[in-house]
Amino acid sequence: MKYRNIPYYLKEWTSWSGKQASAYYCDDKELLSGLTTTSISSKTIDGIQDLIDTYIDQKDELLAKTKQSEKAAAEFYATMGKYKGD
């Protein structure tokens, strides 16, 4: 399936309780490039299409937030000295 030329697919599985479950997934590398997100998902077609809209229409804002988050993490780790908590 495609929406705005971005592929997505339906994934079905059996939950731990034995019930059937499903969701729509998108892991398009171009759509998600530069972001820390590797895939997006929703229980409905409308939901996945809304997410695809968001990732296309707000890409610059999402990239800026990712950059800001990575900068904050780098600054935090720089203050820890030799011990990095792992």
C-alpha atoms as a PDB file:
ATOM      1  CA  MET A   1       0.000   0.000   0.000  1.00  0.00           C
ATOM      2  CA  LYS A   2       1.131   3.562  -0.639  1.00  0.00           C
ATOM      3  CA  TYR A   3       0.063   6.988   0.561  1.00  0.00           C
ATOM      4  CA  ARG A   4       1.648  10.164  -0.808  1.00  0.00           C
ATOM      5  CA  ASN A   5       4.093   7.846  -2.567  1.00  0.00           C
ATOM      6  CA  ILE A   6       5.251   6.424   0.793  1.00  0.00           C
ATOM      7  CA  PRO A   7       4.876   2.661   1.261  1.00  0.00           C
ATOM      8  CA  TYR A   8       3.251   1.191   4.372  1.00  0.00           C
ATOM      9  CA  TYR A   9       2.015  -2.281   5.193  1.00  0.00           C
ATOM     10  CA  LEU A  10      -0.355  -4.195   7.425  1.00  0.00           C
ATOM     11  CA  LYS A  11       1.305  -6.458   9.970  1.00  0.00           C
ATOM     12  CA  GLU A  12      -0.700  -9.144  11.768  1.00  0.00           C
ATOM     13  CA  TRP A  13       0.327 -11.254  14.742  1.00  0.00           C
ATOM     14  CA  THR A  14      -1.006 -13.250  17.668  1.00  0.00           C
ATOM     15  CA  SER A  15      -0.701 -11.491  21.015  1.00  0.00           C
ATOM     16  CA  TRP A  16       0.582 -13.120  24.197  1.00  0.00           C
ATOM     17  CA  SER A  17      -3.042 -13.782  25.179  1.00  0.00           C
ATOM     18  CA  GLY A  18      -3.763 -15.617  21.924  1.00  0.00           C
ATOM     19  CA  LYS A  19      -5.800 -12.821  20.364  1.00  0.00           C
ATOM     20  CA  GLN A  20      -5.227 -11.705  16.800  1.00  0.00           C
ATOM     21  CA  ALA A  21      -3.748  -8.217  16.503  1.00  0.00           C
ATOM     22  CA  SER A  22      -2.768  -5.955  13.630  1.00  0.00           C
ATOM     23  CA  ALA A  23      -1.311  -2.549  12.861  1.00  0.00           C
ATOM     24  CA  TYR A  24      -0.159  -0.535   9.887  1.00  0.00           C
ATOM     25  CA  TYR A  25       3.592   0.096   9.723  1.00  0.00           C
ATOM     26  CA  CYS A  26       5.858   2.369   7.725  1.00  0.00           C
ATOM     27  CA  ASP A  27       9.642   2.102   7.813  1.00  0.00           C
ATOM     28  CA  ASP A  28      10.449   4.131   4.695  1.00  0.00           C
ATOM     29  CA  LYS A  29      14.098   5.175   4.999  1.00  0.00           C
ATOM     30  CA  GLU A  30      13.704   8.386   3.010  1.00  0.00           C
ATOM     31  CA  LEU A  31      10.688   9.545   5.024  1.00  0.00           C
ATOM     32  CA  LEU A  32      12.485   8.913   8.318  1.00  0.00           C
ATOM     33  CA  SER A  33      16.002   9.942   7.275  1.00  0.00           C
ATOM     34  CA  GLY A  34      17.805  12.171   9.749  1.00  0.00           C
ATOM     35  CA  LEU A  35      15.425  11.211  12.563  1.00  0.00           C
ATOM     36  CA  THR A  36      15.900   8.813  15.464  1.00  0.00           C
ATOM     37  CA  THR A  37      12.643   7.085  14.495  1.00  0.00           C
ATOM     38  CA  THR A  38      13.072   3.900  12.476  1.00  0.00           C
ATOM     39  CA  SER A  39       9.386   3.117  11.956  1.00  0.00           C
ATOM     40  CA  ILE A  40       5.925   4.489  12.643  1.00  0.00           C
ATOM     41  CA  SER A  41       2.731   2.555  13.251  1.00  0.00           C
ATOM     42  CA  SER A  42      -0.981   2.921  13.863  1.00  0.00           C
ATOM     43  CA  LYS A  43      -3.963   0.645  14.380  1.00  0.00           C
ATOM     44  CA  THR A  44      -5.857   2.278  11.506  1.00  0.00           C
ATOM     45  CA  ILE A  45      -5.245   3.325   7.912  1.00  0.00           C
ATOM     46  CA  ASP A  46      -6.332   6.872   8.759  1.00  0.00           C
ATOM     47  CA  GLY A  47      -3.866   6.895  11.633  1.00  0.00           C
ATOM     48  CA  ILE A  48      -0.873   5.770   9.576  1.00  0.00           C
ATOM     49  CA  GLN A  49      -1.791   8.230   6.834  1.00  0.00           C
ATOM     50  CA  ASP A  50      -1.970  11.042   9.419  1.00  0.00           C
ATOM     51  CA  LEU A  51       1.479  10.056  10.679  1.00  0.00           C
ATOM     52  CA  ILE A  52       2.861  10.016   7.136  1.00  0.00           C
ATOM     53  CA  ASP A  53       1.359  13.485   6.609  1.00  0.00           C
ATOM     54  CA  THR A  54       3.062  14.708   9.792  1.00  0.00           C
ATOM     55  CA  TYR A  55       6.456  13.280   8.844  1.00  0.00           C
ATOM     56  CA  ILE A  56       6.252  14.829   5.369  1.00  0.00           C
ATOM     57  CA  ASP A  57       4.659  18.178   6.217  1.00  0.00           C
ATOM     58  CA  GLN A  58       6.621  18.827   9.416  1.00  0.00           C
ATOM     59  CA  LYS A  59       9.949  17.265   8.431  1.00  0.00           C
ATOM     60  CA  ASP A  60      11.991  20.433   9.026  1.00  0.00           C
ATOM     61  CA  GLU A  61      10.533  20.863  12.521  1.00  0.00           C
ATOM     62  CA  LEU A  62      11.102  17.192  13.350  1.00  0.00           C
ATOM     63  CA  LEU A  63      14.718  17.405  12.134  1.00  0.00           C
ATOM     64  CA  ALA A  64      15.302  20.525  14.248  1.00  0.00           C
ATOM     65  CA  LYS A  65      13.890  18.782  17.338  1.00  0.00           C
ATOM     66  CA  THR A  66      16.094  15.751  16.703  1.00  0.00           C
ATOM     67  CA  LYS A  67      19.162  17.951  16.349  1.00  0.00           C
ATOM     68  CA  GLN A  68      18.268  19.811  19.563  1.00  0.00           C
ATOM     69  CA  SER A  69      17.785  16.534  21.442  1.00  0.00           C
ATOM     70  CA  GLU A  70      21.116  15.152  20.205  1.00  0.00           C
ATOM     71  CA  LYS A  71      22.876  18.383  21.227  1.00  0.00           C
ATOM     72  CA  ALA A  72      21.314  18.222  24.699  1.00  0.00           C
ATOM     73  CA  ALA A  73      22.407  14.603  25.116  1.00  0.00           C
ATOM     74  CA  ALA A  74      25.961  15.453  24.014  1.00  0.00           C
ATOM     75  CA  GLU A  75      26.120  18.347  26.501  1.00  0.00           C
ATOM     76  CA  PHE A  76      24.807  16.112  29.284  1.00  0.00           C
ATOM     77  CA  TYR A  77      27.362  13.388  28.607  1.00  0.00           C
ATOM     78  CA  ALA A  78      30.140  15.973  28.430  1.00  0.00           C
ATOM     79  CA  THR A  79      29.363  16.972  32.036  1.00  0.00           C
ATOM     80  CA  MET A  80      29.671  13.419  33.349  1.00  0.00           C
ATOM     81  CA  GLY A  81      33.438  13.176  33.123  1.00  0.00           C
ATOM     82  CA  LYS A  82      34.888   9.720  32.700  1.00  0.00           C
ATOM     83  CA  TYR A  83      31.880   7.788  34.103  1.00  0.00           C
ATOM     84  CA  LYS A  84      29.028   7.585  31.547  1.00  0.00           C
ATOM     85  CA  GLY A  85      26.589   5.573  33.632  1.00  0.00           C
ATOM     86  CA  ASP A  86      27.052   2.238  31.903  1.00  0.00           C
END
